[in-house]
């Protein structure tokens, strides 16, 4: 196949532009001057002036959770407790007898009042209801749901909100929320699979050719990905996380990162340092927040992971959480650096300015979400007014030499890489921290491939690379910045096969 009569943005600095692209099997065969002789009878696709770029990677996505959330009550944008309850009331009628009402997206910091089980009881009755907050670190339950735990709510690293009498209010945070959800809020394999198949189609329509999945804490997820691959429904490449507390079992089995197939690999260990901005559980230098993993505990994880040949991705939101994570990587650098392990800090949302250069100096990637900056603006100004110099500091990280990879954190934000590119380049809040369009693209294509050890296989459009690409309706690097949101994904290809909207267009 030859793609011609358009603009090919390879994102390789040695050959940034090409007039055409030749594809043979699952690989890029070459450009003008080579493809005519390499392909016996090629199909020729007229791009009609459109632009081809490397396929998009979402470097931080909870894919199965996001896919299932598409079918739940959505509370994003609810401006008050009453508005959220009205949406829940509408959804209750559609819940089958004996099933849970599930939802997500509420953010009580926008309401000026906290949710309670009593408020939820008034609209849900005895239908067990579990509603995840927008940041996924808090869970709002009604009385019928709380009864499932029979009072067993306290968990190390968790928070159970209680009223003046000591009774649970219905809001659980951090580990308490996650473990309640895992134990009691059931989602069947069939529900996950149906939602994931639909989610794969949505992802392909948005140019996604690879993901770094964060749902490894769900025991069924690797098995479900395998089933999708076996039925040839897996239309993107998955770099799967594994909970860090699985490390001993992985080491005993002699399993190292990278195990799997061309489409599905176990990739990295996931750990948590703290909570989030929205739940006010981010660990801060002023003493606020919740510590989930200490600096010394993380250092132990990193050392053991190095012996087993696993990179570590650690969630860190607050400035103290990020400092502790960086300290742990620095203290263990002799263990992991000689092995070439590619560690990363997830989110890095609030940094002490003096810690920003440490990412590059230590060789630890910043796995960030450009879309979080506009979404979190009001909360950051309210809760971190004296920390904004190091908040969502993407320009500073980039200029400091850090490898910056961009994800969505879906379902926290929407799984839409192009929206993330726009958010990175169109920063109207603290605009000095904007990145260029090309840098945002590199953070969504080239850099995520490096994190998975695939820099010689994909991420750029050079001969020999996998033919993972996106066709856009125009050249984003020649588009006025204020028109970037108008750019549309036309088609998506993974491994030489169209996964969305094959030509002719």
Protein backbone atom coordinates (compact mmCIF):
# COMPACT_ATOMS: atom_id res chain seq x y z
CA UNK A 1 0.00 0.00 0.00
CA UNK A 2 1.20 3.51 -0.82
CA UNK A 3 -0.17 6.60 0.90
CA UNK A 4 0.55 9.62 -1.25
CA UNK A 5 -0.49 13.17 -2.13
CA UNK A 6 -0.44 14.38 1.45
CA UNK A 7 1.87 15.35 4.30
CA UNK A 8 3.71 12.63 6.24
CA UNK A 9 4.95 13.84 9.63
CA UNK A 10 7.37 11.11 10.69
CA UNK A 11 8.29 12.82 14.01
CA UNK A 12 11.86 11.70 13.43
CA UNK A 13 14.18 14.73 13.45
CA UNK A 14 16.47 13.20 10.80
CA UNK A 15 13.62 12.95 8.27
CA UNK A 16 10.67 14.98 9.60
CA UNK A 17 8.68 15.19 6.33
CA UNK A 18 7.89 12.77 3.51
CA UNK A 19 5.65 13.06 0.45
CA UNK A 20 4.44 9.45 0.54
CA UNK A 21 4.57 6.33 2.68
CA UNK A 22 4.87 2.72 1.53
CA UNK A 23 3.53 -0.10 3.71
CA UNK A 24 4.31 -3.78 3.27
CA UNK A 25 2.57 -6.20 5.61
CA UNK A 26 2.63 -4.72 9.11
CA UNK A 27 5.67 -2.50 8.45
CA UNK A 28 6.58 0.76 6.85
CA UNK A 29 8.61 -0.13 3.77
CA UNK A 30 9.87 3.32 2.80
CA UNK A 31 9.05 6.57 1.10
CA UNK A 32 9.26 8.06 -2.37
CA UNK A 33 12.15 6.59 -4.32
CA UNK A 34 11.93 3.14 -2.70
CA UNK A 35 8.35 2.01 -2.61
CA UNK A 36 7.92 1.66 -6.36
CA UNK A 37 10.26 -1.35 -6.46
CA UNK A 38 9.50 -2.80 -3.03
CA UNK A 39 5.81 -3.48 -3.63
CA UNK A 40 4.80 -5.59 -6.63
CA UNK A 41 1.29 -4.22 -7.16
CA UNK A 42 0.56 -1.72 -4.44
CA UNK A 43 -2.79 -0.27 -3.55
CA UNK A 44 -2.45 3.49 -3.88
CA UNK A 45 -4.33 5.67 -1.40
CA UNK A 46 -4.78 9.32 -2.33
CA UNK A 47 -4.50 11.32 0.88
CA UNK A 48 -5.97 14.36 -0.81
CA UNK A 49 -3.78 16.73 1.15
CA UNK A 50 -4.45 15.06 4.50
CA UNK A 51 -1.73 14.48 7.08
CA UNK A 52 -0.33 11.22 8.44
CA UNK A 53 1.27 11.07 11.90
CA UNK A 54 2.35 8.16 14.12
CA UNK A 55 -0.43 6.43 16.00
CA UNK A 56 -1.50 7.93 19.31
CA UNK A 57 -0.69 6.27 22.63
CA UNK A 58 -2.73 6.97 25.74
CA UNK A 59 0.01 6.61 28.36
CA UNK A 60 -2.32 6.46 31.35
CA UNK A 61 -5.78 4.97 30.96
CA UNK A 62 -8.00 2.72 33.05
CA UNK A 63 -9.41 1.12 29.93
CA UNK A 64 -11.92 -1.41 31.26
CA UNK A 65 -13.12 1.01 33.93
CA UNK A 66 -13.51 3.75 31.31
CA UNK A 67 -15.34 1.38 28.96
CA UNK A 68 -17.80 0.28 31.63
CA UNK A 69 -18.28 3.89 32.74
CA UNK A 70 -19.71 4.71 29.32
CA UNK A 71 -22.80 2.75 30.41
CA UNK A 72 -23.14 4.15 33.94
CA UNK A 73 -24.76 7.26 35.35
CA UNK A 74 -22.39 10.12 34.60
CA UNK A 75 -22.02 12.92 37.10
CA UNK A 76 -19.32 15.02 35.46
CA UNK A 77 -20.23 18.66 35.36
CA UNK A 78 -22.94 18.40 38.03
CA UNK A 79 -22.72 21.84 39.63
CA UNK A 80 -24.56 20.98 42.83
CA UNK A 81 -25.50 18.05 45.03
CA UNK A 82 -29.11 18.42 43.91
CA UNK A 83 -28.13 18.18 40.24
CA UNK A 84 -26.13 15.03 40.91
CA UNK A 85 -29.04 13.49 42.82
CA UNK A 86 -31.42 14.34 39.98
CA UNK A 87 -29.25 12.39 37.55
CA UNK A 88 -29.13 9.43 39.94
CA UNK A 89 -32.92 9.52 40.36
CA UNK A 90 -33.37 9.24 36.59
CA UNK A 91 -31.02 6.25 36.42
CA UNK A 92 -32.57 4.20 39.22
CA UNK A 93 -35.55 3.08 37.13
CA UNK A 94 -33.23 1.31 34.68
CA UNK A 95 -31.54 -0.91 37.28
CA UNK A 96 -32.59 -4.56 37.13
CA UNK A 97 -33.73 -6.17 40.39
CA UNK A 98 -30.78 -7.33 42.48
CA UNK A 99 -28.23 -5.29 40.51
CA UNK A 100 -26.09 -2.31 41.51
CA UNK A 101 -26.56 1.24 40.34
CA UNK A 102 -23.06 2.41 39.42
CA UNK A 103 -21.81 5.80 38.38
CA UNK A 104 -18.88 8.14 38.43
CA UNK A 105 -17.73 11.70 37.93
CA UNK A 106 -18.95 13.68 40.98
CA UNK A 107 -16.72 16.31 42.53
CA UNK A 108 -18.06 17.68 45.80
CA UNK A 109 -15.45 20.44 45.87
CA UNK A 110 -17.59 22.10 43.18
CA UNK A 111 -20.74 21.94 45.32
CA UNK A 112 -19.90 23.57 48.65
CA UNK A 113 -21.47 20.61 50.48
CA UNK A 114 -20.50 16.99 51.00
CA UNK A 115 -22.48 13.99 49.75
CA UNK A 116 -24.09 11.69 52.31
CA UNK A 117 -25.75 8.31 52.37
CA UNK A 118 -29.00 9.93 53.51
CA UNK A 119 -29.13 12.16 50.42
CA UNK A 120 -28.54 9.14 48.22
CA UNK A 121 -31.08 6.99 50.09
CA UNK A 122 -33.77 9.55 49.31
CA UNK A 123 -33.45 8.93 45.55
CA UNK A 124 -32.26 5.29 45.40
CA UNK A 125 -34.22 3.53 48.14
CA UNK A 126 -32.91 0.01 48.67
CA UNK A 127 -31.07 -0.20 45.31
CA UNK A 128 -27.37 -0.60 46.26
CA UNK A 129 -25.58 2.39 44.79
CA UNK A 130 -21.86 3.11 44.37
CA UNK A 131 -20.70 6.34 42.76
CA UNK A 132 -17.01 6.99 42.15
CA UNK A 133 -15.70 10.53 42.32
CA UNK A 134 -14.20 12.19 39.28
CA UNK A 135 -10.69 11.49 40.56
CA UNK A 136 -11.59 7.83 41.35
CA UNK A 137 -10.19 8.20 44.87
CA UNK A 138 -13.54 8.57 46.67
CA UNK A 139 -16.65 6.40 46.65
CA UNK A 140 -20.15 7.61 47.58
CA UNK A 141 -22.45 4.86 48.87
CA UNK A 142 -26.04 4.63 50.02
CA UNK A 143 -27.16 2.67 53.08
CA UNK A 144 -28.01 -0.44 51.06
CA UNK A 145 -24.47 -0.50 49.69
CA UNK A 146 -22.82 0.16 53.05
CA UNK A 147 -24.76 -2.74 54.54
CA UNK A 148 -22.88 -5.16 52.27
CA UNK A 149 -19.71 -4.53 54.29
CA UNK A 150 -21.42 -5.16 57.64
CA UNK A 151 -19.37 -2.35 59.19
CA UNK A 152 -16.01 -3.64 57.92
CA UNK A 153 -14.85 -0.44 56.20
CA UNK A 154 -11.53 0.51 57.78
CA UNK A 155 -8.50 -0.30 55.61
CA UNK A 156 -4.85 0.69 55.98
CA UNK A 157 -4.22 3.67 53.71
CA UNK A 158 -7.93 4.43 53.54
CA UNK A 159 -10.32 7.01 54.95
CA UNK A 160 -13.87 6.41 56.18
CA UNK A 161 -15.68 9.73 56.52
CA UNK A 162 -17.80 9.77 59.69
CA UNK A 163 -20.41 12.14 61.11
CA UNK A 164 -20.47 13.66 64.61
CA UNK A 165 -21.92 10.43 66.04
CA UNK A 166 -19.16 8.34 64.50
CA UNK A 167 -21.39 6.74 61.86
CA UNK A 168 -20.12 6.48 58.26
CA UNK A 169 -21.37 9.35 56.11
CA UNK A 170 -21.35 7.17 52.99
CA UNK A 171 -18.07 8.50 51.58
CA UNK A 172 -14.96 6.30 51.49
CA UNK A 173 -11.58 7.51 50.25
CA UNK A 174 -8.39 5.92 48.92
CA UNK A 175 -7.84 2.26 49.87
CA UNK A 176 -11.17 2.08 51.69
CA UNK A 177 -12.95 3.09 48.49
CA UNK A 178 -10.98 0.78 46.22
CA UNK A 179 -11.25 -2.28 48.43
CA UNK A 180 -14.98 -1.80 48.95
CA UNK A 181 -15.44 -1.57 45.21
CA UNK A 182 -13.34 -4.67 44.59
CA UNK A 183 -15.11 -6.73 47.25
CA UNK A 184 -18.73 -5.77 46.77
CA UNK A 185 -19.46 -3.85 43.55
CA UNK A 186 -19.47 -6.69 41.08
CA UNK A 187 -18.94 -6.35 37.34
CA UNK A 188 -19.14 -9.62 35.44
CA UNK A 189 -16.64 -10.68 32.78
CA UNK A 190 -19.38 -10.48 30.15
CA UNK A 191 -20.15 -6.88 31.16
CA UNK A 192 -16.47 -5.96 30.92
CA UNK A 193 -15.99 -7.69 27.56
CA UNK A 194 -19.05 -6.10 25.97
CA UNK A 195 -17.97 -2.67 27.19
CA UNK A 196 -14.32 -3.19 26.15
CA UNK A 197 -15.28 -4.21 22.60
CA UNK A 198 -17.29 -1.01 22.25
CA UNK A 199 -14.47 0.95 23.87
CA UNK A 200 -11.94 -0.37 21.38
CA UNK A 201 -14.06 0.96 18.53
CA UNK A 202 -14.26 4.39 20.17
CA UNK A 203 -10.50 4.40 20.80
CA UNK A 204 -9.77 3.53 17.16
CA UNK A 205 -12.03 6.38 16.00
CA UNK A 206 -9.84 8.73 18.05
CA UNK A 207 -6.55 7.60 16.59
CA UNK A 208 -5.47 5.37 19.47
CA UNK A 209 -3.06 2.60 18.45
CA UNK A 210 -1.61 1.79 21.89
CA UNK A 211 -2.40 2.23 25.57
CA UNK A 212 -0.58 1.94 28.87
CA UNK A 213 -3.36 0.37 30.91
CA UNK A 214 -3.71 1.04 34.65
CA UNK A 215 -6.47 -1.46 35.40
CA UNK A 216 -4.06 -4.24 36.31
CA UNK A 217 -5.37 -4.13 39.88
CA UNK A 218 -8.50 -5.87 38.52
CA UNK A 219 -7.58 -9.58 38.57
CA UNK A 220 -9.66 -10.38 35.50
CA UNK A 221 -8.19 -7.76 33.16
CA UNK A 222 -5.19 -9.68 31.71
CA UNK A 223 -7.50 -12.62 31.05
CA UNK A 224 -10.06 -10.41 29.33
CA UNK A 225 -7.40 -8.81 27.13
CA UNK A 226 -6.25 -12.31 26.18
CA UNK A 227 -9.80 -13.26 25.23
CA UNK A 228 -10.15 -10.18 23.05
CA UNK A 229 -6.84 -10.96 21.38
CA UNK A 230 -7.87 -14.59 20.78
CA UNK A 231 -11.07 -13.47 19.06
CA UNK A 232 -9.05 -10.95 17.01
CA UNK A 233 -10.89 -8.00 18.54
CA UNK A 234 -7.81 -6.40 20.09
CA UNK A 235 -7.32 -3.43 17.77
CA UNK A 236 -4.54 -1.67 19.68
CA UNK A 237 -1.37 -2.51 21.62
CA UNK A 238 -1.59 -2.89 25.40
CA UNK A 239 1.25 -2.26 27.89
CA UNK A 240 -0.37 -3.65 31.03
CA UNK A 241 0.27 -2.66 34.62
CA UNK A 242 0.53 -5.15 37.47
CA UNK A 243 0.01 -4.24 41.16
CA UNK A 244 3.30 -3.93 42.99
CA UNK A 245 2.09 -6.33 45.67
CA UNK A 246 2.17 -9.07 42.98
CA UNK A 247 5.94 -8.69 42.72
CA UNK A 248 6.87 -11.67 44.86
CA UNK A 249 4.69 -14.04 42.84
CA UNK A 250 6.11 -12.67 39.57
CA UNK A 251 9.66 -13.06 40.87
CA UNK A 252 9.01 -16.63 42.07
CA UNK A 253 7.77 -17.52 38.58
CA UNK A 254 10.74 -15.79 36.96
CA UNK A 255 8.47 -13.49 34.95
CA UNK A 256 10.05 -10.21 33.80
CA UNK A 257 8.43 -7.18 32.19
CA UNK A 258 7.64 -7.56 28.50
CA UNK A 259 6.08 -11.01 28.66
CA UNK A 260 3.31 -11.42 26.12
CA UNK A 261 2.58 -10.98 22.44
CA UNK A 262 2.89 -8.29 19.81
CA UNK A 263 -0.42 -6.77 20.94
CA UNK A 264 -0.51 -7.56 24.67
CA UNK A 265 2.37 -7.39 27.15
CA UNK A 266 2.76 -7.22 30.90
CA UNK A 267 4.76 -4.05 31.27
CA UNK A 268 5.28 -2.47 34.67
CA UNK A 269 4.44 -2.39 38.37
CA UNK A 270 2.02 0.23 39.70
CA UNK A 271 2.28 1.79 43.16
CA UNK A 272 0.64 4.75 44.92
CA UNK A 273 2.34 7.41 47.03
CA UNK A 274 -0.73 9.47 47.93
CA UNK A 275 -4.27 10.51 47.06
CA UNK A 276 -5.56 13.30 44.83
CA UNK A 277 -6.25 17.00 44.55
CA UNK A 278 -10.03 16.65 44.34
CA UNK A 279 -10.29 14.46 47.45
CA UNK A 280 -7.76 16.70 49.27
CA UNK A 281 -5.66 13.62 50.00
CA UNK A 282 -2.58 14.61 47.95
CA UNK A 283 0.49 14.45 50.22
CA UNK A 284 1.88 17.96 50.69
CA UNK A 285 5.01 19.46 52.16
CA UNK A 286 2.89 21.41 54.65
CA UNK A 287 1.73 18.14 56.23
CA UNK A 288 -1.63 17.74 54.47
CA UNK A 289 -2.87 14.67 52.63
CA UNK A 290 -2.71 10.90 52.91
CA UNK A 291 0.46 8.84 52.60
CA UNK A 292 -0.23 5.48 50.97
CA UNK A 293 3.37 4.39 50.43
CA UNK A 294 6.34 5.90 52.25
CA UNK A 295 9.67 6.81 50.66
CA UNK A 296 11.40 3.82 52.29
CA UNK A 297 8.61 1.45 51.31
CA UNK A 298 8.83 2.58 47.69
CA UNK A 299 12.62 2.19 47.74
CA UNK A 300 12.14 -1.41 48.85
CA UNK A 301 9.67 -2.01 46.02
CA UNK A 302 12.07 -0.50 43.47
CA UNK A 303 15.00 -2.65 44.67
CA UNK A 304 12.98 -5.85 44.57
CA UNK A 305 11.53 -4.86 41.20
CA UNK A 306 15.02 -4.33 39.82
CA UNK A 307 16.05 -7.82 40.87
CA UNK A 308 13.03 -9.17 39.00
CA UNK A 309 13.59 -6.81 36.00
CA UNK A 310 10.41 -4.75 36.36
CA UNK A 311 10.05 -0.97 35.88
CA UNK A 312 7.91 0.88 38.39
CA UNK A 313 5.20 3.47 37.73
CA UNK A 314 4.22 5.33 40.87
CA UNK A 315 1.23 7.63 41.34
CA UNK A 316 2.30 10.89 42.99
CA UNK A 317 0.15 14.03 43.09
CA UNK A 318 1.34 16.24 45.95
CA UNK A 319 4.72 17.93 46.20
CA UNK A 320 5.83 15.76 49.15
CA UNK A 321 4.62 12.60 47.42
CA UNK A 322 6.66 13.51 44.34
CA UNK A 323 9.72 14.37 46.42
CA UNK A 324 9.48 11.07 48.30
CA UNK A 325 9.16 9.16 45.01
CA UNK A 326 12.16 10.95 43.51
CA UNK A 327 14.14 10.33 46.69
CA UNK A 328 13.32 6.61 46.47
CA UNK A 329 14.43 6.40 42.84
CA UNK A 330 17.61 8.30 43.69
CA UNK A 331 18.43 6.08 46.67
CA UNK A 332 18.05 2.95 44.53
CA UNK A 333 19.60 4.20 41.29
CA UNK A 334 22.59 1.87 41.49
CA UNK A 335 20.16 -1.05 41.55
CA UNK A 336 18.09 -0.16 38.50
CA UNK A 337 19.98 2.26 36.24
CA UNK A 338 22.54 -0.33 34.99
CA UNK A 339 19.62 -2.53 33.95
CA UNK A 340 18.08 0.21 31.77
CA UNK A 341 14.75 0.06 33.58
CA UNK A 342 12.43 2.88 32.53
CA UNK A 343 10.68 4.11 35.64
CA UNK A 344 8.00 6.77 35.70
CA UNK A 345 6.03 9.01 38.03
CA UNK A 346 2.35 9.18 37.17
CA UNK A 347 0.68 12.61 37.24
CA UNK A 348 3.47 14.69 38.87
CA UNK A 349 0.79 17.35 39.32
CA UNK A 350 2.29 19.42 42.11
CA UNK A 351 6.07 19.74 42.26
CA UNK A 352 8.38 21.80 44.40
CA UNK A 353 10.29 23.83 41.78
CA UNK A 354 13.62 22.50 43.01
CA UNK A 355 12.46 18.94 42.30
CA UNK A 356 11.61 19.54 38.63
CA UNK A 357 15.21 19.09 37.33
CA UNK A 358 15.51 15.81 39.21
CA UNK A 359 13.34 13.92 36.69
CA UNK A 360 15.91 14.37 33.93
CA UNK A 361 18.90 13.99 36.25
CA UNK A 362 17.62 10.65 37.57
CA UNK A 363 16.20 9.41 34.26
CA UNK A 364 12.66 9.08 35.62
CA UNK A 365 9.87 9.88 33.14
CA UNK A 366 6.98 12.23 33.90
CA UNK A 367 3.79 10.45 32.82
CA UNK A 368 1.38 13.39 32.85
CA UNK A 369 -2.07 14.27 31.58
CA UNK A 370 -2.22 17.54 29.65
CA UNK A 371 -6.02 17.57 29.98
CA UNK A 372 -5.83 17.73 33.77
CA UNK A 373 -4.55 21.32 33.78
CA UNK A 374 -7.72 23.00 32.42
CA UNK A 375 -9.94 20.54 34.28
CA UNK A 376 -8.26 21.09 37.65
CA UNK A 377 -7.63 24.81 37.35
CA UNK A 378 -10.24 26.01 39.86
CA UNK A 379 -9.42 23.36 42.45
CA UNK A 380 -5.68 23.95 42.14
CA UNK A 381 -6.14 27.68 42.70
CA UNK A 382 -8.35 26.97 45.72
CA UNK A 383 -6.30 24.22 47.41
CA UNK A 384 -2.76 24.97 46.17
CA UNK A 385 -2.63 28.78 45.86
CA UNK A 386 0.94 28.92 47.15
CA UNK A 387 2.12 25.98 45.02
CA UNK A 388 1.10 27.01 41.52
CA UNK A 389 4.66 27.61 40.33
CA UNK A 390 5.19 23.86 40.31
CA UNK A 391 1.67 22.76 39.38
CA UNK A 392 1.09 21.09 36.01
CA UNK A 393 4.55 22.31 35.06
CA UNK A 394 4.80 20.64 31.66
CA UNK A 395 6.98 23.31 30.02
CA UNK A 396 9.39 23.29 32.95
CA UNK A 397 9.64 19.51 32.91
CA UNK A 398 10.23 19.48 29.15
CA UNK A 399 12.83 22.24 29.25
CA UNK A 400 14.51 20.50 32.15
CA UNK A 401 15.15 17.48 29.95
CA UNK A 402 12.54 15.13 31.41
CA UNK A 403 10.89 12.59 29.16
CA UNK A 404 7.23 13.65 29.19
CA UNK A 405 4.54 11.19 28.14
CA UNK A 406 0.90 12.20 27.80
CA UNK A 407 -2.17 10.23 28.80
CA UNK A 408 -5.81 10.88 29.64
CA UNK A 409 -6.33 9.11 32.98
CA UNK A 410 -9.70 8.08 31.52
CA UNK A 411 -12.31 7.92 32.86
CA UNK A 412 -11.07 10.89 34.91
CA UNK A 413 -10.80 12.77 31.61
CA UNK A 414 -12.07 11.45 28.30
CA UNK A 415 -9.96 8.97 26.33
CA UNK A 416 -9.16 11.36 23.50
CA UNK A 417 -5.47 11.91 22.69
CA UNK A 418 -6.08 14.80 20.33
CA UNK A 419 -7.97 16.66 23.07
CA UNK A 420 -4.89 16.10 25.21
CA UNK A 421 -2.60 17.52 22.52
CA UNK A 422 -4.80 20.60 22.32
CA UNK A 423 -4.82 20.98 26.12
CA UNK A 424 -1.03 20.86 26.18
CA UNK A 425 -0.58 23.45 23.46
CA UNK A 426 -3.52 25.75 24.26
CA UNK A 427 -2.77 26.52 27.90
CA UNK A 428 -4.74 29.65 28.81
CA UNK A 429 -4.10 29.03 32.53
CA UNK A 430 -0.45 29.59 33.40
CA UNK A 431 0.30 29.75 29.64
CA UNK A 432 4.03 29.82 30.32
CA UNK A 433 3.68 26.07 30.97
CA UNK A 434 2.27 25.29 27.49
CA UNK A 435 4.18 22.97 25.18
CA UNK A 436 4.36 23.28 21.41
CA UNK A 437 2.10 21.25 19.14
CA UNK A 438 5.04 19.13 18.02
CA UNK A 439 6.10 18.50 21.62
CA UNK A 440 2.56 17.52 22.55
CA UNK A 441 2.52 15.12 19.60
CA UNK A 442 5.86 13.63 20.63
CA UNK A 443 4.53 13.18 24.16
CA UNK A 444 1.63 11.22 22.65
CA UNK A 445 3.58 9.14 20.12
CA UNK A 446 7.36 8.97 20.39
CA UNK A 447 7.88 9.16 24.14
CA UNK A 448 5.31 6.51 25.17
CA UNK A 449 6.93 4.07 22.73
CA UNK A 450 10.28 4.65 24.47
CA UNK A 451 8.73 3.83 27.84
CA UNK A 452 7.73 0.40 26.54
CA UNK A 453 11.14 -0.25 24.95
CA UNK A 454 9.62 0.07 21.48
CA UNK A 455 11.52 3.12 20.23
CA UNK A 456 12.99 1.06 17.35
CA UNK A 457 9.62 -0.50 16.46
CA UNK A 458 7.06 2.29 16.57
CA UNK A 459 6.41 5.88 17.55
CA UNK A 460 7.90 7.30 14.35
CA UNK A 461 7.12 6.67 10.68
CA UNK A 462 10.44 5.33 9.39
CA UNK A 463 11.25 2.28 7.25
CA UNK A 464 11.14 -0.86 9.35
CA UNK A 465 8.79 0.58 11.97
CA UNK A 466 5.36 -0.92 12.60
CA UNK A 467 2.69 0.71 10.46
CA UNK A 468 0.75 2.23 13.36
CA UNK A 469 -0.54 5.59 12.16
CA UNK A 470 -3.30 8.15 12.15
CA UNK A 471 -4.65 10.13 9.19
CA UNK A 472 -5.74 13.65 10.17
CA UNK A 473 -7.83 15.95 8.03
CA UNK A 474 -5.07 18.60 7.99
CA UNK A 475 -1.46 19.13 8.99
CA UNK A 476 -1.51 20.10 12.69
CA UNK A 477 1.93 21.70 12.51
CA UNK A 478 0.71 24.07 9.78
CA UNK A 479 -2.61 24.82 11.48
CA UNK A 480 -3.14 28.04 13.47
CA UNK A 481 -2.99 27.12 17.14
CA UNK A 482 -6.49 28.41 17.88
CA UNK A 483 -7.87 26.07 15.18
CA UNK A 484 -6.31 22.92 16.63
CA UNK A 485 -9.56 21.70 18.25
CA UNK A 486 -11.07 21.55 14.76
CA UNK A 487 -8.56 18.91 13.58
CA UNK A 488 -10.32 15.60 12.97
CA UNK A 489 -9.13 11.99 12.95
CA UNK A 490 -9.97 10.56 9.52
CA UNK A 491 -8.63 7.02 9.83
CA UNK A 492 -6.48 4.80 12.05
CA UNK A 493 -4.13 1.94 11.17
CA UNK A 494 -2.47 -0.63 13.43
CA UNK A 495 0.11 -3.03 12.01
CA UNK A 496 -0.78 -2.23 8.42
CA UNK A 497 -4.53 -2.81 8.94
CA UNK A 498 -7.16 -0.11 9.10
CA UNK A 499 -8.92 -0.18 12.46
CA UNK A 500 -11.09 2.86 11.75
CA UNK A 501 -12.60 4.20 8.52
CA UNK A 502 -10.53 2.60 5.75
CA UNK A 503 -10.25 4.54 2.46
CA UNK A 504 -11.56 5.77 0.13
CA UNK A 505 -12.61 8.89 2.02
